Amino acid sequence: MLRVEMHDSINALIIKVDGPFALETAEHLRALIALCRVPMRVLIDVTEIASIETTAEAVLFGLAKVGYRFIADAPHAMEICRRLHLPLARRASRTLARARGYQP
């Protein structure tokens, strides 16, 4: 089952995606984002994505096209970002920790 956590900080909205990423769950994520008041900076943490379907990759690519950046603190997540040419956030771990109020 996919789990989505949203952390709103002063500088960014951070969305953590955890679990298998299929087309249905990717569309659900896109719908959740559409319901939010989206700040200028959105970071999507894909570190805990267990697997990703090819059809769901288009959703991540579309989010990258509108300016969202990605956090990938694991080799599997880095490979997804590299393969899809998803822009990585600088200092992702610090940004995520600051939003959560603790160190990961």
Protein backbone atom coordinates (compact mmCIF):
# COMPACT_ATOMS: atom_id res chain seq x y z
CA MET A 1 0.00 0.00 0.00
CA LEU A 2 1.24 3.48 -0.85
CA ARG A 3 1.59 5.97 1.99
CA VAL A 4 1.87 9.71 1.37
CA GLU A 5 2.97 12.18 4.05
CA MET A 6 2.89 15.92 3.54
CA HIS A 7 5.03 18.28 5.57
CA ASP A 8 4.45 21.98 5.16
CA SER A 9 7.40 24.17 6.06
CA ILE A 10 8.06 27.86 5.60
CA ASN A 11 10.13 27.28 2.47
CA ALA A 12 8.51 24.25 0.86
CA LEU A 13 5.86 21.59 0.79
CA ILE A 14 7.57 18.23 1.20
CA ILE A 15 5.69 15.15 0.04
CA LYS A 16 7.06 11.78 1.11
CA VAL A 17 5.96 8.78 -0.94
CA ASP A 18 6.39 5.34 0.64
CA GLY A 19 5.57 1.97 -0.94
CA PRO A 20 4.84 0.65 -4.43
CA PHE A 21 4.14 3.38 -6.97
CA ALA A 22 1.57 2.30 -9.56
CA LEU A 23 -0.48 4.37 -12.00
CA GLU A 24 -3.55 4.42 -9.72
CA THR A 25 -1.53 5.60 -6.73
CA ALA A 26 0.36 8.11 -8.87
CA GLU A 27 -2.94 9.62 -9.99
CA HIS A 28 -4.03 9.73 -6.33
CA LEU A 29 -0.84 11.63 -5.48
CA ARG A 30 -1.48 14.10 -8.29
CA ALA A 31 -5.05 14.63 -7.00
CA LEU A 32 -3.77 15.25 -3.45
CA ILE A 33 -1.34 17.86 -4.70
CA ALA A 34 -4.11 19.56 -6.66
CA LEU A 35 -6.12 19.94 -3.43
CA CYS A 36 -3.25 21.65 -1.59
CA ARG A 37 -2.31 25.27 -1.60
CA VAL A 38 0.99 24.66 -3.30
CA PRO A 39 3.87 26.93 -2.28
CA MET A 40 6.51 28.10 -4.69
CA ARG A 41 8.75 25.14 -3.83
CA VAL A 42 7.61 21.52 -3.73
CA LEU A 43 9.91 18.61 -2.91
CA ILE A 44 8.86 15.02 -3.46
CA ASP A 45 10.75 12.46 -1.39
CA VAL A 46 10.94 9.24 -3.42
CA THR A 47 13.51 7.60 -1.13
CA GLU A 48 11.07 4.97 0.16
CA ILE A 49 9.40 4.01 -3.13
CA ALA A 50 9.55 0.22 -3.10
CA SER A 51 8.83 -0.21 -6.81
CA ILE A 52 7.53 1.88 -9.67
CA GLU A 53 5.43 0.91 -12.67
CA THR A 54 6.35 2.31 -16.05
CA THR A 55 2.93 3.92 -16.39
CA ALA A 56 3.43 5.77 -13.07
CA GLU A 57 6.77 7.17 -14.17
CA ALA A 58 4.95 9.63 -16.44
CA VAL A 59 3.32 11.23 -13.38
CA LEU A 60 6.70 11.86 -11.75
CA PHE A 61 8.05 13.21 -15.02
CA GLY A 62 5.04 15.54 -15.30
CA LEU A 63 5.60 16.82 -11.77
CA ALA A 64 9.23 17.53 -12.66
CA LYS A 65 8.10 19.49 -15.73
CA VAL A 66 6.08 21.89 -13.57
CA GLY A 67 9.12 22.59 -11.38
CA TYR A 68 8.95 20.11 -8.53
CA ARG A 69 12.26 18.76 -7.23
CA PHE A 70 12.95 15.32 -5.81
CA ILE A 71 14.66 13.90 -2.75
CA ALA A 72 16.36 10.55 -3.27
CA ASP A 73 18.47 9.41 -0.31
CA ALA A 74 18.74 5.75 -1.37
CA PRO A 75 20.43 4.06 -4.36
CA HIS A 76 17.14 2.73 -5.78
CA ALA A 77 15.55 6.20 -5.60
CA MET A 78 18.65 7.82 -7.13
CA GLU A 79 18.40 5.38 -10.04
CA ILE A 80 14.74 6.30 -10.61
CA CYS A 81 15.63 9.99 -10.66
CA ARG A 82 18.61 9.44 -12.95
CA ARG A 83 16.63 7.31 -15.39
CA LEU A 84 13.71 9.75 -15.56
CA HIS A 85 15.94 12.86 -15.48
CA LEU A 86 14.15 14.14 -12.37
CA PRO A 87 15.80 17.21 -10.79
CA LEU A 88 17.18 16.55 -7.33
CA ALA A 89 16.84 19.02 -4.48
CA ARG A 90 20.07 20.34 -3.04
CA ARG A 91 20.82 19.36 0.53
CA ALA A 92 17.72 17.15 0.53
CA SER A 93 18.30 15.51 3.90
CA ARG A 94 18.73 18.83 5.69
CA THR A 95 15.64 20.29 4.04
CA LEU A 96 13.55 17.26 4.95
CA ALA A 97 14.86 17.23 8.52
CA ARG A 98 14.14 20.93 8.94
CA ALA A 99 10.56 20.43 7.74
CA ARG A 100 10.02 17.51 10.10
CA GLY A 101 11.78 19.18 13.01
CA TYR A 102 14.34 16.38 13.50
CA GLN A 103 17.27 14.66 11.82
CA PRO A 104 16.39 11.62 9.61
